[in-house]
């Protein structure tokens, strides 16, 4: 811990003065933390490559995923496997530069409608959806809702917070599409059925009594109960 705190106050130029052979797996385990900045991680990553080039792909510490160059992220043999490392990669993207972020969005596109991938994206880095146009989002809304349900009740509150980071035009597309679904409107007219809009518990959407809300005082406690119902919602709230 002491060494980690010491490295955290070093500038990238000062890290560059440390011999590359000091950056072995033991030292990395001691110094790597989320408190390091992107420039610091870039310096450590370059030292690590210099010292461990032959094995870098197989042993890259998850924190160093933040330092991957854009070209490496897009390469044919990146030091990660999307299916296994997508959550670590999405978490690491919090420090990405615009170029790295663009590369991440590119590699996430081919399979981002798959429920498992979309669930990881929505619970970690919803901004990966920023290139989706509203029309496509509306057409694919069922995939989005399925991804939220795939995450399950344990991640409900996390996703409920994270989806607010979706671009505003996609949140509006979500509401617009949900409004077209059966039962979403009050009859007669085009007004929202407020029970649907606010995801209230009703006689046709009974919560699962076996699922306990870990945050019963949370502002979204009612929406959590509605989420556990066997009668799925389009989650407009």
Protein backbone atom coordinates (compact mmCIF):
# COMPACT_ATOMS: atom_id res chain seq x y z
CA UNK A 1 0.00 0.00 0.00
CA UNK A 2 2.84 2.37 0.83
CA UNK A 3 4.49 1.82 -2.53
CA UNK A 4 1.17 2.27 -4.30
CA UNK A 5 0.60 5.63 -2.60
CA UNK A 6 4.13 6.68 -3.49
CA UNK A 7 3.71 5.84 -7.19
CA UNK A 8 0.37 7.64 -7.24
CA UNK A 9 2.11 10.97 -6.56
CA UNK A 10 4.76 10.49 -9.26
CA UNK A 11 4.38 12.29 -12.56
CA UNK A 12 4.47 10.25 -15.79
CA UNK A 13 7.96 11.66 -16.46
CA UNK A 14 9.13 10.41 -13.08
CA UNK A 15 7.62 6.97 -13.69
CA UNK A 16 9.50 6.89 -17.00
CA UNK A 17 12.78 7.08 -15.06
CA UNK A 18 12.11 3.77 -13.27
CA UNK A 19 13.85 0.80 -14.97
CA UNK A 20 11.46 -1.34 -17.00
CA UNK A 21 12.61 -4.58 -15.35
CA UNK A 22 11.13 -3.35 -12.06
CA UNK A 23 7.63 -3.58 -13.54
CA UNK A 24 7.03 -7.27 -12.95
CA UNK A 25 3.68 -8.77 -11.96
CA UNK A 26 4.49 -8.51 -8.25
CA UNK A 27 5.22 -4.81 -8.45
CA UNK A 28 2.17 -4.14 -10.61
CA UNK A 29 -0.02 -5.85 -8.04
CA UNK A 30 1.33 -3.43 -5.45
CA UNK A 31 1.11 -0.17 -7.38
CA UNK A 32 -1.88 -0.43 -9.71
CA UNK A 33 -5.07 1.19 -8.46
CA UNK A 34 -8.02 3.16 -9.75
CA UNK A 35 -6.47 6.35 -8.34
CA UNK A 36 -3.81 6.45 -11.07
CA UNK A 37 -4.45 8.86 -13.92
CA UNK A 38 -4.47 7.90 -17.59
CA UNK A 39 -1.01 9.48 -18.25
CA UNK A 40 0.43 7.56 -15.28
CA UNK A 41 -1.12 4.32 -16.51
CA UNK A 42 0.23 4.97 -20.01
CA UNK A 43 3.77 5.22 -18.62
CA UNK A 44 3.36 2.05 -16.57
CA UNK A 45 1.84 0.19 -19.52
CA UNK A 46 4.76 1.07 -21.80
CA UNK A 47 7.23 -0.06 -19.13
CA UNK A 48 5.28 -3.29 -18.71
CA UNK A 49 5.34 -3.97 -22.45
CA UNK A 50 9.07 -3.34 -22.56
CA UNK A 51 9.62 -5.85 -19.77
CA UNK A 52 6.95 -8.46 -20.58
CA UNK A 53 6.32 -8.20 -24.31
CA UNK A 54 6.17 -11.97 -24.87
CA UNK A 55 3.47 -12.59 -22.26
CA UNK A 56 1.62 -9.27 -22.21
CA UNK A 57 -1.45 -10.54 -24.01
CA UNK A 58 -2.05 -13.35 -21.54
CA UNK A 59 -1.36 -11.54 -18.26
CA UNK A 60 -2.48 -7.92 -18.63
CA UNK A 61 -3.78 -6.53 -15.35
CA UNK A 62 -7.40 -5.28 -15.73
CA UNK A 63 -6.44 -1.79 -14.53
CA UNK A 64 -3.98 -1.49 -17.42
CA UNK A 65 -6.87 -1.91 -19.86
CA UNK A 66 -7.33 1.85 -19.39
CA UNK A 67 -3.94 2.40 -21.04
CA UNK A 68 -4.53 0.38 -24.21
CA UNK A 69 -3.87 2.49 -27.32
CA UNK A 70 -6.73 2.85 -29.79
CA UNK A 71 -4.87 0.76 -32.37
CA UNK A 72 -4.40 -2.05 -29.86
CA UNK A 73 -8.10 -2.06 -28.96
CA UNK A 74 -8.98 -2.39 -32.66
CA UNK A 75 -6.21 -4.87 -33.48
CA UNK A 76 -6.84 -8.44 -34.65
CA UNK A 77 -5.22 -9.82 -31.48
CA UNK A 78 -5.97 -7.43 -28.61
CA UNK A 79 -4.87 -8.33 -25.06
CA UNK A 80 -8.41 -9.17 -24.04
CA UNK A 81 -11.29 -11.41 -25.07
CA UNK A 82 -14.50 -9.42 -25.35
CA UNK A 83 -16.78 -12.24 -24.18
CA UNK A 84 -14.69 -12.74 -21.02
CA UNK A 85 -13.30 -9.27 -20.34
CA UNK A 86 -16.07 -6.92 -21.48
CA UNK A 87 -16.99 -5.80 -17.96
CA UNK A 88 -13.37 -5.01 -17.03
CA UNK A 89 -12.93 -3.22 -20.35
CA UNK A 90 -16.07 -1.16 -19.87
CA UNK A 91 -15.03 -0.23 -16.33
CA UNK A 92 -11.57 0.75 -17.59
CA UNK A 93 -13.14 3.03 -20.20
CA UNK A 94 -13.95 5.59 -17.48
CA UNK A 95 -10.43 6.96 -18.08
CA UNK A 96 -10.41 6.63 -21.88
CA UNK A 97 -9.45 9.44 -24.21
CA UNK A 98 -11.89 10.26 -27.05
CA UNK A 99 -9.83 8.13 -29.46
CA UNK A 100 -9.86 5.13 -27.13
CA UNK A 101 -13.57 5.60 -26.52
CA UNK A 102 -14.28 5.59 -30.25
CA UNK A 103 -12.34 2.33 -30.59
CA UNK A 104 -14.29 0.78 -27.72
CA UNK A 105 -17.57 1.77 -29.34
CA UNK A 106 -16.42 0.22 -32.61
CA UNK A 107 -15.57 -3.17 -31.11
CA UNK A 108 -18.77 -3.24 -29.06
CA UNK A 109 -21.04 -2.61 -32.07
CA UNK A 110 -21.15 -6.07 -33.73
CA UNK A 111 -22.70 -7.82 -30.74
CA UNK A 112 -24.08 -5.06 -28.59
CA UNK A 113 -27.70 -6.14 -29.11
CA UNK A 114 -26.99 -9.56 -27.55
CA UNK A 115 -28.63 -9.56 -24.07
CA UNK A 116 -25.43 -10.42 -22.15
CA UNK A 117 -23.39 -7.76 -23.96
CA UNK A 118 -26.09 -5.12 -23.74
CA UNK A 119 -26.62 -5.90 -20.06
CA UNK A 120 -22.91 -5.30 -19.36
CA UNK A 121 -22.97 -2.10 -21.41
CA UNK A 122 -26.06 -0.68 -19.68
CA UNK A 123 -24.79 -1.52 -16.18
CA UNK A 124 -21.27 -0.22 -16.80
CA UNK A 125 -20.93 2.15 -19.77
CA UNK A 126 -24.23 3.08 -21.50
CA UNK A 127 -22.38 5.65 -23.59
CA UNK A 128 -21.43 2.77 -25.90
CA UNK A 129 -24.94 3.18 -27.31
CA UNK A 130 -24.36 6.81 -28.29
CA UNK A 131 -23.92 6.01 -31.98
CA UNK A 132 -27.31 4.26 -32.21
CA UNK A 133 -29.90 6.41 -33.94
CA UNK A 134 -33.34 6.85 -32.30
CA UNK A 135 -35.17 4.87 -34.98
CA UNK A 136 -32.94 1.81 -34.51
CA UNK A 137 -33.23 2.16 -30.74
CA UNK A 138 -37.01 2.12 -30.96
CA UNK A 139 -36.97 -0.96 -33.20
CA UNK A 140 -34.56 -2.72 -30.81
CA UNK A 141 -36.19 -1.59 -27.55
CA UNK A 142 -37.24 -5.14 -26.70
CA UNK A 143 -33.53 -6.10 -26.73
CA UNK A 144 -32.77 -3.22 -24.35
CA UNK A 145 -35.53 -4.24 -21.95
CA UNK A 146 -34.42 -7.89 -22.11
CA UNK A 147 -30.87 -6.77 -21.25
CA UNK A 148 -32.12 -5.01 -18.11
CA UNK A 149 -34.04 -8.10 -17.08
CA UNK A 150 -30.99 -10.26 -17.87
CA UNK A 151 -29.01 -8.22 -15.31
CA UNK A 152 -31.60 -9.25 -12.73
CA UNK A 153 -32.87 -7.68 -9.50
CA UNK A 154 -29.36 -7.56 -7.98
CA UNK A 155 -28.30 -4.94 -10.53
CA UNK A 156 -31.62 -3.12 -10.84
CA UNK A 157 -30.56 -0.01 -8.93
CA UNK A 158 -27.19 0.15 -10.72
CA UNK A 159 -28.80 0.00 -14.16
CA UNK A 160 -31.55 2.42 -13.13
CA UNK A 161 -28.82 4.96 -12.38
CA UNK A 162 -26.62 4.14 -15.36
CA UNK A 163 -29.33 4.32 -18.05
CA UNK A 164 -29.78 7.99 -17.18
CA UNK A 165 -26.41 8.47 -18.91
CA UNK A 166 -27.87 7.34 -22.22
CA UNK A 167 -28.05 10.25 -24.70
CA UNK A 168 -31.24 12.24 -24.21
CA UNK A 169 -32.53 11.41 -27.70
CA UNK A 170 -32.35 7.69 -26.88
CA UNK A 171 -34.20 8.15 -23.59
CA UNK A 172 -36.89 10.01 -25.51
CA UNK A 173 -37.00 7.23 -28.11
CA UNK A 174 -37.50 4.75 -25.24
CA UNK A 175 -40.51 6.69 -23.97
CA UNK A 176 -41.95 7.18 -27.44
CA UNK A 177 -41.76 3.48 -28.28
CA UNK A 178 -43.14 2.39 -24.90
CA UNK A 179 -46.07 4.77 -25.44
CA UNK A 180 -47.04 2.90 -28.63
CA UNK A 181 -47.28 -0.47 -26.87
CA UNK A 182 -50.65 -1.96 -25.86
CA UNK A 183 -51.93 -0.74 -22.51
CA UNK A 184 -49.69 2.32 -22.37
CA UNK A 185 -52.48 4.79 -23.18
CA UNK A 186 -55.58 5.81 -21.31
CA UNK A 187 -58.77 5.27 -23.25
CA UNK A 188 -60.05 7.28 -24.95
CA UNK A 189 -57.21 9.47 -26.20
CA UNK A 190 -53.43 9.49 -26.40
CA UNK A 191 -52.61 10.29 -22.77
CA UNK A 192 -50.21 8.03 -20.89
CA UNK A 193 -51.62 5.42 -18.55
CA UNK A 194 -49.78 6.68 -15.46
CA UNK A 195 -49.58 3.16 -13.97
CA UNK A 196 -47.53 2.15 -17.01
CA UNK A 197 -45.49 5.34 -17.23
CA UNK A 198 -44.47 5.17 -13.56
CA UNK A 199 -44.17 1.36 -13.40
CA UNK A 200 -46.65 1.02 -10.57
CA UNK A 201 -47.68 -2.30 -9.09
CA UNK A 202 -51.21 -3.20 -10.22
CA UNK A 203 -53.53 -6.18 -10.03
CA UNK A 204 -52.01 -7.49 -13.27
CA UNK A 205 -48.40 -6.93 -12.23
CA UNK A 206 -47.97 -8.60 -8.85
CA UNK A 207 -44.39 -8.51 -7.49
CA UNK A 208 -42.49 -11.73 -6.90
CA UNK A 209 -42.81 -12.37 -3.16
CA UNK A 210 -39.59 -14.37 -3.21
CA UNK A 211 -37.48 -11.40 -4.33
CA UNK A 212 -36.48 -9.05 -1.52
CA UNK A 213 -35.75 -5.42 -2.27
CA UNK A 214 -32.32 -4.70 -0.73
CA UNK A 215 -33.19 -0.98 -0.57
CA UNK A 216 -36.84 -0.76 0.56
CA UNK A 217 -36.54 2.99 1.24
CA UNK A 218 -35.07 3.75 -2.17
CA UNK A 219 -37.06 6.24 -4.33
CA UNK A 220 -37.42 3.46 -6.93
CA UNK A 221 -38.71 0.87 -4.44
CA UNK A 222 -42.09 0.69 -6.20
CA UNK A 223 -40.42 0.33 -9.59
CA UNK A 224 -38.24 -2.46 -8.21
CA UNK A 225 -41.34 -4.34 -7.05
CA UNK A 226 -42.92 -3.86 -10.49
CA UNK A 227 -39.69 -5.12 -12.08
CA UNK A 228 -39.96 -8.44 -10.24
CA UNK A 229 -43.42 -9.17 -11.63
CA UNK A 230 -43.82 -12.02 -14.10
CA UNK A 231 -45.72 -9.53 -16.29
CA UNK A 232 -42.77 -7.64 -17.78
CA UNK A 233 -42.76 -3.89 -18.20
CA UNK A 234 -41.20 -1.81 -20.97
CA UNK A 235 -39.58 0.12 -18.07
CA UNK A 236 -40.55 3.65 -19.20
CA UNK A 237 -39.94 4.99 -15.70
